[in-house]
Amino acid sequence: MRAILVDDEQLALLQLKRIFEHDINGVDVVETCSNPYDVVEMVTRHQPDVVFLDIHMPEVDGLKLGERIQSSMPNIEIVFVTAYDRYAVRAFELYAIDYIMKPVNSDRLKLTMQRLREKIKIKGESQPKEVAKPFLFCFNQIRYQLPGEEPQTIKWRTSKARELFAFLLHNRGRAVDRSLLTELLWPNLEVPRAQQQLYTTIYHIRQTLKKIGMDMITINSVDLETGYRLSVGEAQVDVEEWENELKQLAAPSLELVEEYERIFQQFEGNYLGDYEYLWAEYERERLRLLWLNHAKSLGKLYIEHGMTEKAVQVYRTVQQQLPDEEETYFTLIELYDSLGDKGGVEEQYWLLSSRSEKEWE
């Protein structure tokens, strides 16, 4: 595993690197960095598995730097290092794999590395497989995958084209009124101008789909007055396939635990989560609740069979995806207590306390 360590204090960098060299096996510290302005370039050059990032630096906010790293290289994991527990909640909201309080000790770092290795293993197992049919991804951002190729993002001509496609895909199989589309995307334009923008954008979407080999997805006029209907043809849509598989699951049991775990891990993020489309929020929440109920079923199964560490992994994943789900903090406190993990109990207590304080601010 390759790691980059970032801290503006040289002594803290040396101490953390020394712990890796003497107490942690299987980690190659490819670079240490004390200048936060060099981090993004360094990460891009080395492509590490994980970045250990100090939060409190004089000139740069470590949390904002973490956001920049995640937006440019979403597959790289981040572990925040901080002397202030008040940053913990924000760290988890950024989907950090963990956060560590200073001064860092080897036992706490070993726990972090255990979580990190488990997550990297799961990510490797859940990488998109070769598909037999064209595939559309809607978790987080819209991507596509052709048979025999890797998933790719779609380069839209404009952000309006992307949103129009997303809205038609969201309503696939149904006729969408032209006036609804123009009101959604061009509310400030006069009707003739808005309609012209709509026609032009539909044309560009069709051209984009043809260019990337996804022209089995069609957008047809219903009639001159009504609107448009999108059909995905033979293409499959990830959220649709995921929900169908979820609904077909039998009651949780050890015989089905691998299926439950696979479907749990396939929920990679919110529906169209990278885009601030208010019209998608109901579907986001619906899918989140489906996944949360599934996660609770899986966690309960592990607890009932004494697989406490597996249950911890499930609830920590829920906590990272849904940091406002307060029940997970209490459940993790109980689980860590049953394992005799005092540090884990304290960590969850501080996270819960920080959330409460934040709500009262």
Protein backbone atom coordinates (compact mmCIF):
# COMPACT_ATOMS: atom_id res chain seq x y z
CA MET A 1 0.00 0.00 0.00
CA ARG A 2 1.33 3.42 -0.99
CA ALA A 3 0.87 6.44 1.30
CA ILE A 4 1.60 10.18 1.30
CA LEU A 5 1.89 12.03 4.62
CA VAL A 6 0.98 15.73 4.80
CA ASP A 7 1.65 18.00 7.78
CA ASP A 8 3.11 21.49 7.96
CA GLU A 9 5.10 20.46 11.08
CA GLN A 10 8.27 18.56 10.18
CA LEU A 11 8.45 16.88 13.59
CA ALA A 12 4.92 15.49 13.25
CA LEU A 13 5.79 14.20 9.76
CA LEU A 14 8.91 12.45 11.01
CA GLN A 15 7.07 10.88 13.94
CA LEU A 16 4.28 9.54 11.73
CA LYS A 17 6.76 8.23 9.16
CA ARG A 18 8.78 6.54 11.93
CA ILE A 19 5.68 4.70 13.18
CA PHE A 20 5.04 3.39 9.67
CA GLU A 21 8.66 2.27 9.28
CA HIS A 22 8.93 0.50 12.64
CA ASP A 23 5.41 -0.61 13.62
CA ILE A 24 3.23 -0.92 10.49
CA ASN A 25 3.87 -3.58 7.88
CA GLY A 26 3.03 -3.39 4.19
CA VAL A 27 2.99 0.40 3.82
CA ASP A 28 5.31 2.30 1.49
CA VAL A 29 5.49 6.01 2.39
CA VAL A 30 6.21 7.34 -1.10
CA GLU A 31 6.38 11.00 -0.06
CA THR A 32 6.10 13.34 2.89
CA CYS A 33 4.91 16.89 2.34
CA SER A 34 5.04 19.97 4.56
CA ASN A 35 3.85 22.43 1.90
CA PRO A 36 0.08 22.00 1.37
CA TYR A 37 0.25 23.80 -1.97
CA ASP A 38 2.26 20.88 -3.39
CA VAL A 39 -0.17 18.15 -2.28
CA VAL A 40 -2.51 17.89 -5.27
CA GLU A 41 0.39 17.76 -7.75
CA MET A 42 2.17 15.21 -5.57
CA VAL A 43 -0.90 13.01 -5.25
CA THR A 44 -1.52 13.20 -9.00
CA ARG A 45 2.08 12.17 -9.68
CA HIS A 46 2.31 9.28 -7.22
CA GLN A 47 -1.31 8.02 -7.26
CA PRO A 48 -1.13 6.67 -3.68
CA ASP A 49 -3.75 4.46 -2.05
CA VAL A 50 -4.11 6.81 0.92
CA VAL A 51 -3.23 10.34 2.02
CA PHE A 52 -2.73 11.12 5.72
CA LEU A 53 -3.72 14.77 5.86
CA ASP A 54 -3.33 17.23 8.73
CA ILE A 55 -6.47 19.33 9.16
CA HIS A 56 -5.09 22.37 10.96
CA MET A 57 -2.47 24.12 8.82
CA PRO A 58 -1.72 27.87 8.93
CA GLU A 59 -2.32 28.78 5.30
CA VAL A 60 -4.59 26.01 3.99
CA ASP A 61 -7.72 24.36 5.44
CA GLY A 62 -6.97 20.63 5.43
CA LEU A 63 -10.66 19.77 5.04
CA LYS A 64 -10.93 21.92 1.89
CA LEU A 65 -7.72 20.39 0.60
CA GLY A 66 -9.26 16.96 1.20
CA GLU A 67 -12.26 18.02 -0.90
CA ARG A 68 -9.93 19.02 -3.75
CA ILE A 69 -8.14 15.66 -3.61
CA GLN A 70 -11.42 13.75 -3.56
CA SER A 71 -12.92 15.71 -6.44
CA SER A 72 -9.88 15.18 -8.68
CA MET A 73 -9.01 11.62 -7.57
CA PRO A 74 -12.10 10.00 -5.99
CA ASN A 75 -10.48 6.56 -5.63
CA ILE A 76 -7.80 7.77 -3.19
CA GLU A 77 -8.63 7.30 0.49
CA ILE A 78 -8.08 10.07 3.03
CA VAL A 79 -7.23 9.80 6.72
CA PHE A 80 -7.41 13.10 8.54
CA VAL A 81 -5.00 13.80 11.40
CA THR A 82 -6.00 16.45 13.92
CA ALA A 83 -5.39 17.72 17.42
CA TYR A 84 -8.97 19.02 17.62
CA ASP A 85 -11.91 16.63 17.92
CA ARG A 86 -14.36 19.30 16.69
CA TYR A 87 -13.26 18.55 13.13
CA ALA A 88 -14.26 14.89 13.34
CA VAL A 89 -17.82 15.20 12.05
CA ARG A 90 -16.79 17.26 9.03
CA ALA A 91 -14.07 14.70 8.28
CA PHE A 92 -16.62 11.91 8.11
CA GLU A 93 -18.93 14.03 5.96
CA LEU A 94 -16.11 14.08 3.41
CA TYR A 95 -16.17 10.25 3.33
CA ALA A 96 -12.77 10.02 5.00
CA ILE A 97 -11.90 6.42 5.88
CA ASP A 98 -10.91 7.59 9.38
CA TYR A 99 -9.53 10.44 11.45
CA ILE A 100 -6.79 10.20 14.06
CA MET A 101 -6.16 12.41 17.06
CA LYS A 102 -2.68 13.75 17.71
CA PRO A 103 -0.32 12.59 19.09
CA VAL A 104 -0.62 9.52 16.86
CA ASN A 105 0.17 6.19 18.50
CA SER A 106 0.94 2.91 16.75
CA ASP A 107 -2.04 0.97 18.17
CA ARG A 108 -4.52 3.56 16.86
CA LEU A 109 -2.74 3.68 13.52
CA LYS A 110 -2.90 -0.12 13.23
CA LEU A 111 -6.67 0.05 13.67
CA THR A 112 -6.89 2.65 10.90
CA MET A 113 -4.79 0.50 8.58
CA GLN A 114 -6.99 -2.51 9.29
CA ARG A 115 -10.07 -0.50 8.23
CA LEU A 116 -8.23 0.82 5.19
CA ARG A 117 -7.09 -2.61 3.99
CA GLU A 118 -10.60 -3.97 4.40
CA LYS A 119 -12.10 -1.12 2.39
CA ILE A 120 -9.51 -1.42 -0.39
CA LYS A 121 -10.18 -5.17 -0.54
CA ILE A 122 -13.93 -4.59 -0.81
CA LYS A 123 -13.43 -1.90 -3.46
CA GLY A 124 -11.30 -4.32 -5.47
CA GLU A 125 -13.98 -6.99 -5.26
CA SER A 126 -16.74 -4.56 -6.23
CA GLN A 127 -15.00 -2.96 -9.22
CA PRO A 128 -17.36 -2.77 -12.21
CA LYS A 129 -17.29 -6.09 -14.03
CA GLU A 130 -17.33 -6.54 -17.74
CA VAL A 131 -20.89 -6.06 -18.91
CA ALA A 132 -22.75 -7.96 -21.58
CA LYS A 133 -24.97 -4.98 -22.39
CA PRO A 134 -24.39 -1.22 -22.38
CA PHE A 135 -24.67 0.14 -18.86
CA LEU A 136 -25.56 3.50 -17.34
CA PHE A 137 -24.41 4.50 -13.86
CA CYS A 138 -26.40 6.99 -11.78
CA PHE A 139 -24.82 6.56 -8.34
CA ASN A 140 -22.87 9.78 -7.70
CA GLN A 141 -22.47 10.85 -11.34
CA ILE A 142 -23.71 9.77 -14.74
CA ARG A 143 -21.28 7.39 -16.44
CA TYR A 144 -21.57 4.74 -19.14
CA GLN A 145 -19.92 1.42 -19.91
CA LEU A 146 -19.85 -0.46 -23.20
CA PRO A 147 -19.23 -4.24 -23.36
CA GLY A 148 -15.52 -4.99 -23.08
CA GLU A 149 -14.64 -1.47 -21.93
CA GLU A 150 -14.19 0.39 -18.64
CA PRO A 151 -16.80 2.82 -17.25
CA GLN A 152 -16.38 6.37 -18.54
CA THR A 153 -17.84 9.79 -17.81
CA ILE A 154 -19.85 11.58 -20.48
CA LYS A 155 -18.47 14.86 -21.78
CA TRP A 156 -21.55 17.00 -22.26
CA ARG A 157 -21.53 20.10 -24.43
CA THR A 158 -23.14 22.15 -21.62
CA SER A 159 -24.37 21.68 -18.06
CA LYS A 160 -27.91 22.20 -19.40
CA ALA A 161 -27.45 19.22 -21.73
CA ARG A 162 -26.31 17.10 -18.79
CA GLU A 163 -29.28 18.10 -16.64
CA LEU A 164 -31.77 17.66 -19.46
CA PHE A 165 -30.45 14.16 -20.14
CA ALA A 166 -30.49 13.35 -16.41
CA PHE A 167 -34.10 14.55 -16.07
CA LEU A 168 -35.28 12.57 -19.10
CA LEU A 169 -33.39 9.51 -17.83
CA HIS A 170 -34.98 10.01 -14.41
CA ASN A 171 -38.39 9.94 -16.17
CA ARG A 172 -37.44 7.24 -18.72
CA GLY A 173 -40.36 5.58 -20.46
CA ARG A 174 -42.67 8.51 -19.68
CA ALA A 175 -43.63 11.47 -21.83
CA VAL A 176 -42.27 14.73 -20.40
CA ASP A 177 -44.06 17.91 -21.41
CA ARG A 178 -42.02 20.47 -23.31
CA SER A 179 -43.29 23.31 -21.14
CA LEU A 180 -42.08 21.47 -18.02
CA LEU A 181 -38.60 21.11 -19.52
CA THR A 182 -38.33 24.76 -20.57
CA GLU A 183 -39.62 25.94 -17.19
CA LEU A 184 -37.09 23.72 -15.39
CA LEU A 185 -34.04 24.66 -17.45
CA TRP A 186 -34.74 28.10 -18.96
CA PRO A 187 -37.26 29.74 -16.60
CA ASN A 188 -36.08 33.29 -17.38
CA LEU A 189 -36.36 33.08 -21.17
CA GLU A 190 -39.40 33.94 -23.24
CA VAL A 191 -41.25 30.86 -24.50
CA PRO A 192 -40.05 30.90 -28.15
CA ARG A 193 -36.42 31.36 -27.08
CA ALA A 194 -36.68 28.66 -24.39
CA GLN A 195 -38.21 26.21 -26.88
CA GLN A 196 -35.39 26.88 -29.33
CA GLN A 197 -32.84 26.20 -26.58
CA LEU A 198 -34.67 22.94 -25.82
CA TYR A 199 -34.60 21.77 -29.45
CA THR A 200 -30.90 22.62 -29.77
CA THR A 201 -29.99 20.88 -26.53
CA ILE A 202 -31.94 17.73 -27.49
CA TYR A 203 -29.98 17.69 -30.75
CA HIS A 204 -26.66 17.96 -28.91
CA ILE A 205 -27.63 15.16 -26.51
CA ARG A 206 -28.46 12.85 -29.42
CA GLN A 207 -25.14 13.70 -31.06
CA THR A 208 -23.24 13.02 -27.82
CA LEU A 209 -24.94 9.63 -27.34
CA LYS A 210 -24.13 8.69 -30.93
CA LYS A 211 -20.50 9.75 -30.53
CA ILE A 212 -19.91 7.58 -27.43
CA GLY A 213 -21.69 4.54 -28.85
CA MET A 214 -24.75 4.81 -26.61
CA ASP A 215 -27.24 5.63 -29.38
CA MET A 216 -29.46 2.72 -28.31
CA ILE A 217 -30.72 5.38 -25.89
CA THR A 218 -33.30 7.34 -27.85
CA ILE A 219 -35.17 10.59 -27.23
CA ASN A 220 -38.30 10.77 -29.34
CA SER A 221 -40.93 13.44 -29.75
CA VAL A 222 -44.29 12.19 -28.48
CA ASP A 223 -46.13 14.64 -30.72
CA LEU A 224 -45.88 18.26 -31.69
CA GLU A 225 -47.56 19.47 -28.51
CA THR A 226 -46.74 17.03 -25.74
CA GLY A 227 -43.00 16.54 -25.31
CA TYR A 228 -40.23 13.95 -25.29
CA ARG A 229 -39.81 10.40 -24.09
CA LEU A 230 -36.41 8.78 -23.39
CA SER A 231 -35.94 5.05 -23.84
CA VAL A 232 -32.78 3.24 -22.72
CA GLY A 233 -33.26 0.41 -25.24
CA GLU A 234 -31.06 -2.56 -24.36
CA ALA A 235 -28.95 -0.51 -21.94
CA GLN A 236 -29.19 -1.27 -18.22
CA VAL A 237 -29.30 1.32 -15.43
CA ASP A 238 -27.38 0.64 -12.21
CA VAL A 239 -29.96 1.96 -9.73
CA GLU A 240 -32.69 -0.05 -11.42
CA GLU A 241 -30.62 -3.26 -11.41
CA TRP A 242 -29.56 -2.66 -7.81
CA GLU A 243 -33.12 -2.17 -6.58
CA ASN A 244 -34.36 -5.24 -8.47
CA GLU A 245 -31.66 -7.41 -6.90
CA LEU A 246 -32.42 -5.97 -3.46
CA LYS A 247 -36.13 -6.75 -3.78
CA GLN A 248 -35.42 -10.32 -4.86
CA LEU A 249 -33.37 -11.13 -1.74
CA ALA A 250 -34.81 -13.67 0.68
CA ALA A 251 -34.74 -13.13 4.46
CA PRO A 252 -31.19 -12.56 5.80
CA SER A 253 -29.24 -15.71 6.69
CA LEU A 254 -25.62 -16.82 6.79
CA GLU A 255 -26.17 -18.69 3.53
CA LEU A 256 -27.03 -15.38 1.84
CA VAL A 257 -24.54 -13.18 3.63
CA GLU A 258 -22.27 -12.78 0.59
CA GLU A 259 -25.22 -11.62 -1.51
CA TYR A 260 -26.25 -9.19 1.22
CA GLU A 261 -22.69 -7.86 1.46
CA ARG A 262 -22.37 -7.49 -2.33
CA ILE A 263 -25.59 -5.48 -2.63
CA PHE A 264 -24.60 -3.43 0.41
CA GLN A 265 -21.30 -2.47 -1.25
CA GLN A 266 -22.86 -1.74 -4.64
CA PHE A 267 -24.49 1.39 -3.21
CA GLU A 268 -21.55 3.64 -4.07
CA GLY A 269 -23.10 6.98 -3.22
CA ASN A 270 -26.24 9.04 -3.63
CA TYR A 271 -28.41 8.96 -6.72
CA LEU A 272 -27.03 11.69 -9.01
CA GLY A 273 -25.23 12.80 -5.88
CA ASP A 274 -22.58 14.89 -7.64
CA TYR A 275 -25.24 17.22 -9.04
CA GLU A 276 -27.39 19.64 -7.06
CA TYR A 277 -30.64 18.73 -8.77
CA LEU A 278 -33.50 19.43 -6.37
CA TRP A 279 -35.91 17.40 -8.51
CA ALA A 280 -33.82 14.27 -7.77
CA GLU A 281 -33.97 14.63 -3.97
CA TYR A 282 -37.05 12.47 -3.43
CA GLU A 283 -35.46 9.58 -5.32
CA ARG A 284 -32.17 10.11 -3.48
CA GLU A 285 -33.93 9.83 -0.15
CA ARG A 286 -35.96 6.81 -1.22
CA LEU A 287 -32.85 4.91 -2.34
CA ARG A 288 -30.93 5.99 0.77
CA LEU A 289 -33.67 4.53 2.99
CA LEU A 290 -33.71 1.28 1.01
CA TRP A 291 -29.95 0.97 1.47
CA LEU A 292 -30.10 1.94 5.15
CA ASN A 293 -32.73 -0.72 5.89
CA HIS A 294 -30.63 -3.26 4.01
CA ALA A 295 -27.53 -2.23 5.99
CA LYS A 296 -29.38 -2.63 9.28
CA SER A 297 -30.53 -6.12 8.26
CA LEU A 298 -26.93 -7.07 7.42
CA GLY A 299 -25.57 -5.54 10.63
CA LYS A 300 -28.20 -7.32 12.72
CA LEU A 301 -27.32 -10.62 11.04
CA TYR A 302 -23.65 -10.19 11.95
CA ILE A 303 -24.50 -9.24 15.54
CA GLU A 304 -26.83 -12.23 16.00
CA HIS A 305 -24.05 -14.59 14.92
CA GLY A 306 -21.33 -12.99 17.03
CA MET A 307 -19.53 -11.43 14.04
CA THR A 308 -19.05 -8.13 15.85
CA GLU A 309 -16.13 -6.78 13.81
CA LYS A 310 -18.09 -7.35 10.60
CA ALA A 311 -21.01 -5.45 12.13
CA VAL A 312 -18.65 -2.60 13.00
CA GLN A 313 -17.55 -2.38 9.36
CA VAL A 314 -21.16 -2.19 8.20
CA TYR A 315 -22.15 0.56 10.62
CA ARG A 316 -18.99 2.58 9.98
CA THR A 317 -19.79 2.51 6.26
CA VAL A 318 -23.30 3.72 7.04
CA GLN A 319 -21.83 6.45 9.22
CA GLN A 320 -19.59 7.66 6.41
CA GLN A 321 -22.39 7.64 3.83
CA LEU A 322 -25.10 8.98 6.16
CA PRO A 323 -23.40 11.00 8.93
CA ASP A 324 -26.75 12.37 10.14
CA GLU A 325 -28.04 8.87 11.01
CA GLU A 326 -27.66 9.26 14.78
CA GLU A 327 -28.58 5.65 15.60
CA THR A 328 -25.32 4.39 14.09
CA TYR A 329 -23.26 6.26 16.71
CA PHE A 330 -25.08 4.53 19.58
CA THR A 331 -24.87 1.15 17.86
CA LEU A 332 -21.12 1.55 17.31
CA ILE A 333 -20.60 2.56 20.94
CA GLU A 334 -22.29 -0.69 22.01
CA LEU A 335 -20.30 -2.76 19.50
CA TYR A 336 -16.95 -1.24 20.45
CA ASP A 337 -17.80 -1.72 24.12
CA SER A 338 -18.52 -5.42 23.53
CA LEU A 339 -15.10 -5.71 21.85
CA GLY A 340 -13.38 -3.96 24.76
CA ASP A 341 -12.24 -1.24 22.36
CA LYS A 342 -12.12 1.81 24.62
CA GLY A 343 -10.68 4.01 21.87
CA GLY A 344 -13.55 3.15 19.54
CA VAL A 345 -16.11 3.97 22.25
CA GLU A 346 -14.44 7.33 22.94
CA GLU A 347 -14.22 8.11 19.24
CA GLN A 348 -17.96 7.54 18.73
CA TYR A 349 -18.79 9.49 21.86
CA TRP A 350 -16.82 12.50 20.63
CA LEU A 351 -18.35 12.26 17.17
CA LEU A 352 -21.83 12.20 18.69
CA SER A 353 -21.01 15.07 21.06
CA SER A 354 -19.56 17.12 18.19
CA ARG A 355 -22.71 16.62 16.14
CA SER A 356 -24.87 17.72 19.06
CA GLU A 357 -22.76 20.84 19.59
CA LYS A 358 -22.89 21.62 15.88
CA GLU A 359 -26.69 21.39 15.87
CA TRP A 360 -26.90 23.87 18.74
CA GLU A 361 -24.59 26.43 17.14
